[in-house]
Amino acid sequence: MPERPQNYYAVTRERGASWDASLSLREQDRWDEHAAYMDALVDDGFVVLGGPLGDGSTFLLIINAESEQEIETQLADDPWTLMDLLRIARIDCWEILLGEP
């Protein structure tokens, strides 16, 4: 498998209309499928880091991608995107000046 380019993005995702606030993260519908999909993106080197922020209403992903379009395309296939449990709120290119990824 060829190495991925080193273009990093900070991607914020937010809860969608189908999110059930009475359930925890892991109790949401199709958690296992979502987790497996995201784990595969990590294994591929696409997702570098990820997880919920603060109260868990938003999620931060650090992604290594060629473009914003690649990010939108990859996350569109996440079962939770398809179910409107999560949606992209923001994509920002990230220039890393301190430390090494």
PDB file of N, CA and C in Angstrom:
ATOM      1  N   MET A   1       0.849  -1.174   0.000  1.00  0.00           N
ATOM      2  CA  MET A   1       0.000   0.000   0.000  1.00  0.00           C
ATOM      3  C   MET A   1       0.897   1.241   0.000  1.00  0.00           C
ATOM      4  N   PRO A   2       0.657   2.192  -0.922  1.00  0.00           N
ATOM      5  CA  PRO A   2       1.478   3.412  -0.953  1.00  0.00           C
ATOM      6  C   PRO A   2       1.230   4.273   0.279  1.00  0.00           C
ATOM      7  N   GLU A   3       2.270   5.020   0.644  1.00  0.00           N
ATOM      8  CA  GLU A   3       2.130   5.910   1.802  1.00  0.00           C
ATOM      9  C   GLU A   3       1.210   7.073   1.477  1.00  0.00           C
ATOM     10  N   ARG A   4       0.470   7.508   2.487  1.00  0.00           N
ATOM     11  CA  ARG A   4      -0.448   8.634   2.319  1.00  0.00           C
ATOM     12  C   ARG A   4       0.354   9.936   2.333  1.00  0.00           C
ATOM     13  N   PRO A   5      -0.143  10.972   1.658  1.00  0.00           N
ATOM     14  CA  PRO A   5       0.485  12.288   1.752  1.00  0.00           C
ATOM     15  C   PRO A   5       0.351  12.820   3.172  1.00  0.00           C
ATOM     16  N   GLN A   6       1.163  13.780   3.533  1.00  0.00           N
ATOM     17  CA  GLN A   6       1.107  14.351   4.876  1.00  0.00           C
ATOM     18  C   GLN A   6       0.375  15.694   4.836  1.00  0.00           C
ATOM     19  N   ASN A   7      -0.920  15.642   4.604  1.00  0.00           N
ATOM     20  CA  ASN A   7      -1.790  16.814   4.621  1.00  0.00           C
ATOM     21  C   ASN A   7      -2.811  16.600   5.721  1.00  0.00           C
ATOM     22  N   TYR A   8      -2.717  17.386   6.766  1.00  0.00           N
ATOM     23  CA  TYR A   8      -3.576  17.168   7.916  1.00  0.00           C
ATOM     24  C   TYR A   8      -4.735  18.163   7.958  1.00  0.00           C
ATOM     25  N   TYR A   9      -5.865  17.647   8.414  1.00  0.00           N
ATOM     26  CA  TYR A   9      -7.073  18.445   8.575  1.00  0.00           C
ATOM     27  C   TYR A   9      -7.664  18.175   9.951  1.00  0.00           C
ATOM     28  N   ALA A  10      -8.194  19.227  10.570  1.00  0.00           N
ATOM     29  CA  ALA A  10      -8.982  19.089  11.793  1.00  0.00           C
ATOM     30  C   ALA A  10     -10.441  19.111  11.348  1.00  0.00           C
ATOM     31  N   VAL A  11     -11.129  18.016  11.604  1.00  0.00           N
ATOM     32  CA  VAL A  11     -12.517  17.868  11.165  1.00  0.00           C
ATOM     33  C   VAL A  11     -13.400  17.776  12.401  1.00  0.00           C
ATOM     34  N   THR A  12     -14.355  18.668  12.475  1.00  0.00           N
ATOM     35  CA  THR A  12     -15.320  18.648  13.569  1.00  0.00           C
ATOM     36  C   THR A  12     -16.623  18.070  13.036  1.00  0.00           C
ATOM     37  N   ARG A  13     -17.122  17.078  13.758  1.00  0.00           N
ATOM     38  CA  ARG A  13     -18.425  16.496  13.428  1.00  0.00           C
ATOM     39  C   ARG A  13     -19.365  16.782  14.588  1.00  0.00           C
ATOM     40  N   GLU A  14     -20.640  16.889  14.266  1.00  0.00           N
ATOM     41  CA  GLU A  14     -21.646  17.163  15.293  1.00  0.00           C
ATOM     42  C   GLU A  14     -22.767  16.143  15.184  1.00  0.00           C
ATOM     43  N   ARG A  15     -23.535  16.057  16.262  1.00  0.00           N
ATOM     44  CA  ARG A  15     -24.675  15.149  16.277  1.00  0.00           C
ATOM     45  C   ARG A  15     -25.696  15.569  15.217  1.00  0.00           C
ATOM     46  N   GLY A  16     -26.253  14.571  14.554  1.00  0.00           N
ATOM     47  CA  GLY A  16     -27.284  14.832  13.561  1.00  0.00           C
ATOM     48  C   GLY A  16     -28.676  14.700  14.161  1.00  0.00           C
ATOM     49  N   ALA A  17     -29.681  14.863  13.327  1.00  0.00           N
ATOM     50  CA  ALA A  17     -31.079  14.846  13.772  1.00  0.00           C
ATOM     51  C   ALA A  17     -31.504  13.501  14.353  1.00  0.00           C
ATOM     52  N   SER A  18     -30.832  12.419  13.955  1.00  0.00           N
ATOM     53  CA  SER A  18     -31.219  11.086  14.434  1.00  0.00           C
ATOM     54  C   SER A  18     -30.545  10.693  15.745  1.00  0.00           C
ATOM     55  N   TRP A  19     -29.667  11.543  16.271  1.00  0.00           N
ATOM     56  CA  TRP A  19     -28.970  11.226  17.524  1.00  0.00           C
ATOM     57  C   TRP A  19     -29.990  11.146  18.651  1.00  0.00           C
ATOM     58  N   ASP A  20     -29.936  10.077  19.431  1.00  0.00           N
ATOM     59  CA  ASP A  20     -30.830   9.902  20.571  1.00  0.00           C
ATOM     60  C   ASP A  20     -30.092  10.362  21.827  1.00  0.00           C
ATOM     61  N   ALA A  21     -30.427  11.538  22.321  1.00  0.00           N
ATOM     62  CA  ALA A  21     -29.739  12.131  23.475  1.00  0.00           C
ATOM     63  C   ALA A  21     -29.942  11.334  24.756  1.00  0.00           C
ATOM     64  N   SER A  22     -30.924  10.437  24.769  1.00  0.00           N
ATOM     65  CA  SER A  22     -31.152   9.624  25.968  1.00  0.00           C
ATOM     66  C   SER A  22     -30.198   8.426  26.036  1.00  0.00           C
ATOM     67  N   LEU A  23     -29.443   8.198  24.966  1.00  0.00           N
ATOM     68  CA  LEU A  23     -28.514   7.074  24.907  1.00  0.00           C
ATOM     69  C   LEU A  23     -27.074   7.556  24.923  1.00  0.00           C
ATOM     70  N   SER A  24     -26.180   6.733  25.457  1.00  0.00           N
ATOM     71  CA  SER A  24     -24.755   7.053  25.425  1.00  0.00           C
ATOM     72  C   SER A  24     -24.214   6.849  24.011  1.00  0.00           C
ATOM     73  N   LEU A  25     -22.996   7.261  23.798  1.00  0.00           N
ATOM     74  CA  LEU A  25     -22.330   7.128  22.502  1.00  0.00           C
ATOM     75  C   LEU A  25     -22.400   5.691  21.990  1.00  0.00           C
ATOM     76  N   ARG A  26     -21.993   4.757  22.830  1.00  0.00           N
ATOM     77  CA  ARG A  26     -21.927   3.351  22.424  1.00  0.00           C
ATOM     78  C   ARG A  26     -23.298   2.669  22.364  1.00  0.00           C
ATOM     79  N   GLU A  27     -24.325   3.334  22.832  1.00  0.00           N
ATOM     80  CA  GLU A  27     -25.686   2.786  22.762  1.00  0.00           C
ATOM     81  C   GLU A  27     -26.449   3.271  21.526  1.00  0.00           C
ATOM     82  N   GLN A  28     -25.857   4.203  20.773  1.00  0.00           N
ATOM     83  CA  GLN A  28     -26.535   4.687  19.568  1.00  0.00           C
ATOM     84  C   GLN A  28     -26.687   3.545  18.572  1.00  0.00           C
ATOM     85  N   ASP A  29     -27.696   3.666  17.732  1.00  0.00           N
ATOM     86  CA  ASP A  29     -27.984   2.668  16.715  1.00  0.00           C
ATOM     87  C   ASP A  29     -26.754   2.405  15.850  1.00  0.00           C
ATOM     88  N   ARG A  30     -26.481   1.144  15.586  1.00  0.00           N
ATOM     89  CA  ARG A  30     -25.398   0.685  14.699  1.00  0.00           C
ATOM     90  C   ARG A  30     -24.009   1.148  15.165  1.00  0.00           C
ATOM     91  N   TRP A  31     -23.811   1.210  16.484  1.00  0.00           N
ATOM     92  CA  TRP A  31     -22.495   1.565  17.035  1.00  0.00           C
ATOM     93  C   TRP A  31     -21.401   0.663  16.485  1.00  0.00           C
ATOM     94  N   ASP A  32     -21.619  -0.647  16.477  1.00  0.00           N
ATOM     95  CA  ASP A  32     -20.579  -1.581  16.042  1.00  0.00           C
ATOM     96  C   ASP A  32     -20.149  -1.319  14.598  1.00  0.00           C
ATOM     97  N   GLU A  33     -21.107  -1.051  13.730  1.00  0.00           N
ATOM     98  CA  GLU A  33     -20.777  -0.784  12.329  1.00  0.00           C
ATOM     99  C   GLU A  33     -20.008   0.532  12.188  1.00  0.00           C
ATOM    100  N   HIS A  34     -20.445   1.552  12.921  1.00  0.00           N
ATOM    101  CA  HIS A  34     -19.744   2.838  12.897  1.00  0.00           C
ATOM    102  C   HIS A  34     -18.314   2.668  13.405  1.00  0.00           C
ATOM    103  N   ALA A  35     -18.154   1.981  14.533  1.00  0.00           N
ATOM    104  CA  ALA A  35     -16.829   1.779  15.118  1.00  0.00           C
ATOM    105  C   ALA A  35     -15.924   0.999  14.168  1.00  0.00           C
ATOM    106  N   ALA A  36     -16.439  -0.027  13.532  1.00  0.00           N
ATOM    107  CA  ALA A  36     -15.649  -0.817  12.582  1.00  0.00           C
ATOM    108  C   ALA A  36     -15.227   0.031  11.387  1.00  0.00           C
ATOM    109  N   TYR A  37     -16.136   0.869  10.906  1.00  0.00           N
ATOM    110  CA  TYR A  37     -15.810   1.740   9.772  1.00  0.00           C
ATOM    111  C   TYR A  37     -14.701   2.722  10.146  1.00  0.00           C
ATOM    112  N   MET A  38     -14.830   3.346  11.314  1.00  0.00           N
ATOM    113  CA  MET A  38     -13.826   4.314  11.746  1.00  0.00           C
ATOM    114  C   MET A  38     -12.489   3.631  12.032  1.00  0.00           C
ATOM    115  N   ASP A  39     -12.519   2.442  12.628  1.00  0.00           N
ATOM    116  CA  ASP A  39     -11.284   1.689  12.871  1.00  0.00           C
ATOM    117  C   ASP A  39     -10.564   1.372  11.563  1.00  0.00           C
ATOM    118  N   ALA A  40     -11.312   1.065  10.519  1.00  0.00           N
ATOM    119  CA  ALA A  40     -10.714   0.795   9.210  1.00  0.00           C
ATOM    120  C   ALA A  40     -10.038   2.050   8.652  1.00  0.00           C
ATOM    121  N   LEU A  41     -10.648   3.222   8.887  1.00  0.00           N
ATOM    122  CA  LEU A  41     -10.029   4.472   8.432  1.00  0.00           C
ATOM    123  C   LEU A  41      -8.737   4.759   9.197  1.00  0.00           C
ATOM    124  N   VAL A  42      -8.694   4.366  10.465  1.00  0.00           N
ATOM    125  CA  VAL A  42      -7.463   4.489  11.254  1.00  0.00           C
ATOM    126  C   VAL A  42      -6.409   3.536  10.696  1.00  0.00           C
ATOM    127  N   ASP A  43      -6.787   2.297  10.459  1.00  0.00           N
ATOM    128  CA  ASP A  43      -5.844   1.300   9.937  1.00  0.00           C
ATOM    129  C   ASP A  43      -5.255   1.727   8.607  1.00  0.00           C
ATOM    130  N   ASP A  44      -6.045   2.450   7.805  1.00  0.00           N
ATOM    131  CA  ASP A  44      -5.600   2.935   6.497  1.00  0.00           C
ATOM    132  C   ASP A  44      -4.712   4.175   6.598  1.00  0.00           C
ATOM    133  N   GLY A  45      -4.617   4.768   7.799  1.00  0.00           N
ATOM    134  CA  GLY A  45      -3.826   5.982   7.963  1.00  0.00           C
ATOM    135  C   GLY A  45      -4.582   7.248   7.629  1.00  0.00           C
ATOM    136  N   PHE A  46      -5.863   7.123   7.318  1.00  0.00           N
ATOM    137  CA  PHE A  46      -6.682   8.288   6.975  1.00  0.00           C
ATOM    138  C   PHE A  46      -7.033   9.081   8.234  1.00  0.00           C
ATOM    139  N   VAL A  47      -7.551   8.402   9.257  1.00  0.00           N
ATOM    140  CA  VAL A  47      -7.816   9.050  10.546  1.00  0.00           C
ATOM    141  C   VAL A  47      -6.595   8.825  11.436  1.00  0.00           C
ATOM    142  N   VAL A  48      -6.041   9.933  11.938  1.00  0.00           N
ATOM    143  CA  VAL A  48      -4.855   9.872  12.791  1.00  0.00           C
ATOM    144  C   VAL A  48      -5.261   9.812  14.262  1.00  0.00           C
ATOM    145  N   LEU A  49      -6.194  10.665  14.647  1.00  0.00           N
ATOM    146  CA  LEU A  49      -6.725  10.733  16.007  1.00  0.00           C
ATOM    147  C   LEU A  49      -8.202  11.076  15.923  1.00  0.00           C
ATOM    148  N   GLY A  50      -8.962  10.689  16.938  1.00  0.00           N
ATOM    149  CA  GLY A  50     -10.365  11.074  16.934  1.00  0.00           C
ATOM    150  C   GLY A  50     -11.058  10.749  18.235  1.00  0.00           C
ATOM    151  N   GLY A  51     -12.125  11.501  18.497  1.00  0.00           N
ATOM    152  CA  GLY A  51     -12.935  11.246  19.674  1.00  0.00           C
ATOM    153  C   GLY A  51     -13.804  12.432  20.015  1.00  0.00           C
ATOM    154  N   PRO A  52     -14.691  12.230  21.008  1.00  0.00           N
ATOM    155  CA  PRO A  52     -15.610  13.301  21.407  1.00  0.00           C
ATOM    156  C   PRO A  52     -14.883  14.418  22.153  1.00  0.00           C
ATOM    157  N   LEU A  53     -15.428  15.620  22.029  1.00  0.00           N
ATOM    158  CA  LEU A  53     -14.924  16.795  22.750  1.00  0.00           C
ATOM    159  C   LEU A  53     -15.899  17.155  23.862  1.00  0.00           C
ATOM    160  N   GLY A  54     -15.370  17.648  24.960  1.00  0.00           N
ATOM    161  CA  GLY A  54     -16.194  18.197  26.037  1.00  0.00           C
ATOM    162  C   GLY A  54     -17.356  17.316  26.437  1.00  0.00           C
ATOM    163  N   ASP A  55     -18.564  17.839  26.258  1.00  0.00           N
ATOM    164  CA  ASP A  55     -19.767  17.123  26.686  1.00  0.00           C
ATOM    165  C   ASP A  55     -20.192  16.021  25.714  1.00  0.00           C
ATOM    166  N   GLY A  56     -19.433  15.813  24.652  1.00  0.00           N
ATOM    167  CA  GLY A  56     -19.736  14.749  23.702  1.00  0.00           C
ATOM    168  C   GLY A  56     -20.688  15.121  22.590  1.00  0.00           C
ATOM    169  N   SER A  57     -21.017  16.394  22.480  1.00  0.00           N
ATOM    170  CA  SER A  57     -21.931  16.807  21.415  1.00  0.00           C
ATOM    171  C   SER A  57     -21.199  17.069  20.100  1.00  0.00           C
ATOM    172  N   THR A  58     -19.883  17.227  20.185  1.00  0.00           N
ATOM    173  CA  THR A  58     -19.069  17.377  18.982  1.00  0.00           C
ATOM    174  C   THR A  58     -17.905  16.388  19.054  1.00  0.00           C
ATOM    175  N   PHE A  59     -17.354  16.092  17.893  1.00  0.00           N
ATOM    176  CA  PHE A  59     -16.296  15.100  17.765  1.00  0.00           C
ATOM    177  C   PHE A  59     -15.192  15.684  16.897  1.00  0.00           C
ATOM    178  N   LEU A  60     -13.950  15.454  17.297  1.00  0.00           N
ATOM    179  CA  LEU A  60     -12.803  15.953  16.550  1.00  0.00           C
ATOM    180  C   LEU A  60     -12.073  14.788  15.913  1.00  0.00           C
ATOM    181  N   LEU A  61     -11.803  14.914  14.630  1.00  0.00           N
ATOM    182  CA  LEU A  61     -10.972  13.954  13.910  1.00  0.00           C
ATOM    183  C   LEU A  61      -9.770  14.698  13.349  1.00  0.00           C
ATOM    184  N   ILE A  62      -8.589  14.148  13.517  1.00  0.00           N
ATOM    185  CA  ILE A  62      -7.410  14.629  12.815  1.00  0.00           C
ATOM    186  C   ILE A  62      -7.219  13.654  11.662  1.00  0.00           C
ATOM    187  N   ILE A  63      -7.271  14.202  10.457  1.00  0.00           N
ATOM    188  CA  ILE A  63      -7.304  13.366   9.255  1.00  0.00           C
ATOM    189  C   ILE A  63      -6.135  13.714   8.349  1.00  0.00           C
ATOM    190  N   ASN A  64      -5.555  12.692   7.761  1.00  0.00           N
ATOM    191  CA  ASN A  64      -4.491  12.819   6.780  1.00  0.00           C
ATOM    192  C   ASN A  64      -5.115  12.522   5.418  1.00  0.00           C
ATOM    193  N   ALA A  65      -5.354  13.579   4.642  1.00  0.00           N
ATOM    194  CA  ALA A  65      -6.066  13.417   3.372  1.00  0.00           C
ATOM    195  C   ALA A  65      -5.467  14.324   2.305  1.00  0.00           C
ATOM    196  N   GLU A  66      -5.791  14.026   1.071  1.00  0.00           N
ATOM    197  CA  GLU A  66      -5.324  14.849  -0.041  1.00  0.00           C
ATOM    198  C   GLU A  66      -6.151  16.116  -0.202  1.00  0.00           C
ATOM    199  N   SER A  67      -7.432  16.069   0.224  1.00  0.00           N
ATOM    200  CA  SER A  67      -8.304  17.221   0.004  1.00  0.00           C
ATOM    201  C   SER A  67      -9.535  17.134   0.912  1.00  0.00           C
ATOM    202  N   GLU A  68     -10.249  18.244   0.987  1.00  0.00           N
ATOM    203  CA  GLU A  68     -11.521  18.252   1.708  1.00  0.00           C
ATOM    204  C   GLU A  68     -12.516  17.316   1.036  1.00  0.00           C
ATOM    205  N   GLN A  69     -12.469  17.244  -0.279  1.00  0.00           N
ATOM    206  CA  GLN A  69     -13.372  16.351  -1.018  1.00  0.00           C
ATOM    207  C   GLN A  69     -13.154  14.896  -0.612  1.00  0.00           C
ATOM    208  N   GLU A  70     -11.891  14.489  -0.440  1.00  0.00           N
ATOM    209  CA  GLU A  70     -11.611  13.123  -0.008  1.00  0.00           C
ATOM    210  C   GLU A  70     -12.226  12.858   1.374  1.00  0.00           C
ATOM    211  N   ILE A  71     -12.130  13.852   2.256  1.00  0.00           N
ATOM    212  CA  ILE A  71     -12.705  13.719   3.594  1.00  0.00           C
ATOM    213  C   ILE A  71     -14.222  13.550   3.502  1.00  0.00           C
ATOM    214  N   GLU A  72     -14.861  14.411   2.743  1.00  0.00           N
ATOM    215  CA  GLU A  72     -16.316  14.336   2.590  1.00  0.00           C
ATOM    216  C   GLU A  72     -16.747  12.995   2.001  1.00  0.00           C
ATOM    217  N   THR A  73     -15.997  12.510   1.015  1.00  0.00           N
ATOM    218  CA  THR A  73     -16.313  11.236   0.375  1.00  0.00           C
ATOM    219  C   THR A  73     -16.164  10.077   1.348  1.00  0.00           C
ATOM    220  N   GLN A  74     -15.060  10.046   2.081  1.00  0.00           N
ATOM    221  CA  GLN A  74     -14.823   8.944   3.030  1.00  0.00           C
ATOM    222  C   GLN A  74     -15.864   8.942   4.150  1.00  0.00           C
ATOM    223  N   LEU A  75     -16.127  10.102   4.728  1.00  0.00           N
ATOM    224  CA  LEU A  75     -17.062  10.158   5.856  1.00  0.00           C
ATOM    225  C   LEU A  75     -18.508   9.960   5.417  1.00  0.00           C
ATOM    226  N   ALA A  76     -18.804  10.178   4.149  1.00  0.00           N
ATOM    227  CA  ALA A  76     -20.157   9.961   3.635  1.00  0.00           C
ATOM    228  C   ALA A  76     -20.563   8.492   3.732  1.00  0.00           C
ATOM    229  N   ASP A  77     -19.587   7.591   3.725  1.00  0.00           N
ATOM    230  CA  ASP A  77     -19.877   6.161   3.789  1.00  0.00           C
ATOM    231  C   ASP A  77     -19.963   5.623   5.222  1.00  0.00           C
ATOM    232  N   ASP A  78     -19.694   6.469   6.208  1.00  0.00           N
ATOM    233  CA  ASP A  78     -19.834   6.068   7.609  1.00  0.00           C
ATOM    234  C   ASP A  78     -21.315   5.777   7.872  1.00  0.00           C
ATOM    235  N   PRO A  79     -21.643   4.616   8.446  1.00  0.00           N
ATOM    236  CA  PRO A  79     -23.051   4.326   8.722  1.00  0.00           C
ATOM    237  C   PRO A  79     -23.745   5.439   9.507  1.00  0.00           C
ATOM    238  N   TRP A  80     -23.030   6.106  10.398  1.00  0.00           N
ATOM    239  CA  TRP A  80     -23.657   7.169  11.186  1.00  0.00           C
ATOM    240  C   TRP A  80     -23.918   8.416  10.351  1.00  0.00           C
ATOM    241  N   THR A  81     -23.151   8.637   9.298  1.00  0.00           N
ATOM    242  CA  THR A  81     -23.455   9.743   8.387  1.00  0.00           C
ATOM    243  C   THR A  81     -24.722   9.399   7.604  1.00  0.00           C
ATOM    244  N   LEU A  82     -24.779   8.186   7.098  1.00  0.00           N
ATOM    245  CA  LEU A  82     -25.929   7.749   6.304  1.00  0.00           C
ATOM    246  C   LEU A  82     -27.225   7.805   7.106  1.00  0.00           C
ATOM    247  N   MET A  83     -27.124   7.606   8.434  1.00  0.00           N
ATOM    248  CA  MET A  83     -28.299   7.612   9.306  1.00  0.00           C
ATOM    249  C   MET A  83     -28.576   8.987   9.908  1.00  0.00           C
ATOM    250  N   ASP A  84     -27.757   9.973   9.601  1.00  0.00           N
ATOM    251  CA  ASP A  84     -27.824  11.323  10.172  1.00  0.00           C
ATOM    252  C   ASP A  84     -27.641  11.315  11.695  1.00  0.00           C
ATOM    253  N   LEU A  85     -26.764  10.423  12.156  1.00  0.00           N
ATOM    254  CA  LEU A  85     -26.348  10.468  13.559  1.00  0.00           C
ATOM    255  C   LEU A  85     -25.198  11.453  13.726  1.00  0.00           C
ATOM    256  N   LEU A  86     -24.340  11.544  12.716  1.00  0.00           N
ATOM    257  CA  LEU A  86     -23.239  12.508  12.710  1.00  0.00           C
ATOM    258  C   LEU A  86     -23.186  13.200  11.365  1.00  0.00           C
ATOM    259  N   ARG A  87     -22.754  14.466  11.398  1.00  0.00           N
ATOM    260  CA  ARG A  87     -22.533  15.217  10.160  1.00  0.00           C
ATOM    261  C   ARG A  87     -21.282  16.070  10.329  1.00  0.00           C
ATOM    262  N   ILE A  88     -20.678  16.412   9.234  1.00  0.00           N
ATOM    263  CA  ILE A  88     -19.506  17.286   9.271  1.00  0.00           C
ATOM    264  C   ILE A  88     -19.962  18.702   9.592  1.00  0.00           C
ATOM    265  N   ALA A  89     -19.351  19.292  10.609  1.00  0.00           N
ATOM    266  CA  ALA A  89     -19.644  20.680  10.958  1.00  0.00           C
ATOM    267  C   ALA A  89     -18.605  21.616  10.345  1.00  0.00           C
ATOM    268  N   ARG A  90     -17.352  21.140  10.288  1.00  0.00           N
ATOM    269  CA  ARG A  90     -16.282  22.027   9.831  1.00  0.00           C
ATOM    270  C   ARG A  90     -15.067  21.199   9.425  1.00  0.00           C
ATOM    271  N   ILE A  91     -14.375  21.650   8.383  1.00  0.00           N
ATOM    272  CA  ILE A  91     -13.110  21.055   7.952  1.00  0.00           C
ATOM    273  C   ILE A  91     -12.098  22.181   7.840  1.00  0.00           C
ATOM    274  N   ASP A  92     -10.993  22.056   8.568  1.00  0.00           N
ATOM    275  CA  ASP A  92      -9.933  23.062   8.524  1.00  0.00           C
ATOM    276  C   ASP A  92      -8.603  22.404   8.211  1.00  0.00           C
ATOM    277  N   CYS A  93      -7.893  22.940   7.224  1.00  0.00           N
ATOM    278  CA  CYS A  93      -6.541  22.493   6.962  1.00  0.00           C
ATOM    279  C   CYS A  93      -5.694  22.851   8.179  1.00  0.00           C
ATOM    280  N   TRP A  94      -4.788  21.948   8.576  1.00  0.00           N
ATOM    281  CA  TRP A  94      -4.011  22.157   9.798  1.00  0.00           C
ATOM    282  C   TRP A  94      -2.532  22.125   9.464  1.00  0.00           C
ATOM    283  N   GLU A  95      -1.871  23.248   9.625  1.00  0.00           N
ATOM    284  CA  GLU A  95      -0.415  23.323   9.447  1.00  0.00           C
ATOM    285  C   GLU A  95       0.232  23.042  10.800  1.00  0.00           C
ATOM    286  N   ILE A  96       0.915  21.923  10.876  1.00  0.00           N
ATOM    287  CA  ILE A  96       1.550  21.536  12.131  1.00  0.00           C
ATOM    288  C   ILE A  96       2.914  22.219  12.236  1.00  0.00           C
ATOM    289  N   LEU A  97       3.079  23.031  13.272  1.00  0.00           N
ATOM    290  CA  LEU A  97       4.318  23.750  13.485  1.00  0.00           C
ATOM    291  C   LEU A  97       5.120  23.204  14.655  1.00  0.00           C
ATOM    292  N   LEU A  98       4.464  22.532  15.585  1.00  0.00           N
ATOM    293  CA  LEU A  98       5.132  21.991  16.767  1.00  0.00           C
ATOM    294  C   LEU A  98       4.971  20.479  16.833  1.00  0.00           C
ATOM    295  N   GLY A  99       6.028  19.791  17.150  1.00  0.00           N
ATOM    296  CA  GLY A  99       5.978  18.340  17.281  1.00  0.00           C
ATOM    297  C   GLY A  99       5.961  17.667  15.917  1.00  0.00           C
ATOM    298  N   GLU A 100       5.921  16.345  15.961  1.00  0.00           N
ATOM    299  CA  GLU A 100       5.872  15.551  14.732  1.00  0.00           C
ATOM    300  C   GLU A 100       4.705  14.593  14.804  1.00  0.00           C
ATOM    301  N   PRO A 101       3.924  14.525  13.728  1.00  0.00           N
ATOM    302  CA  PRO A 101       2.786  13.601  13.705  1.00  0.00           C
ATOM    303  C   PRO A 101       3.253  12.147  13.668  1.00  0.00           C
TER     304      PRO A 101
END
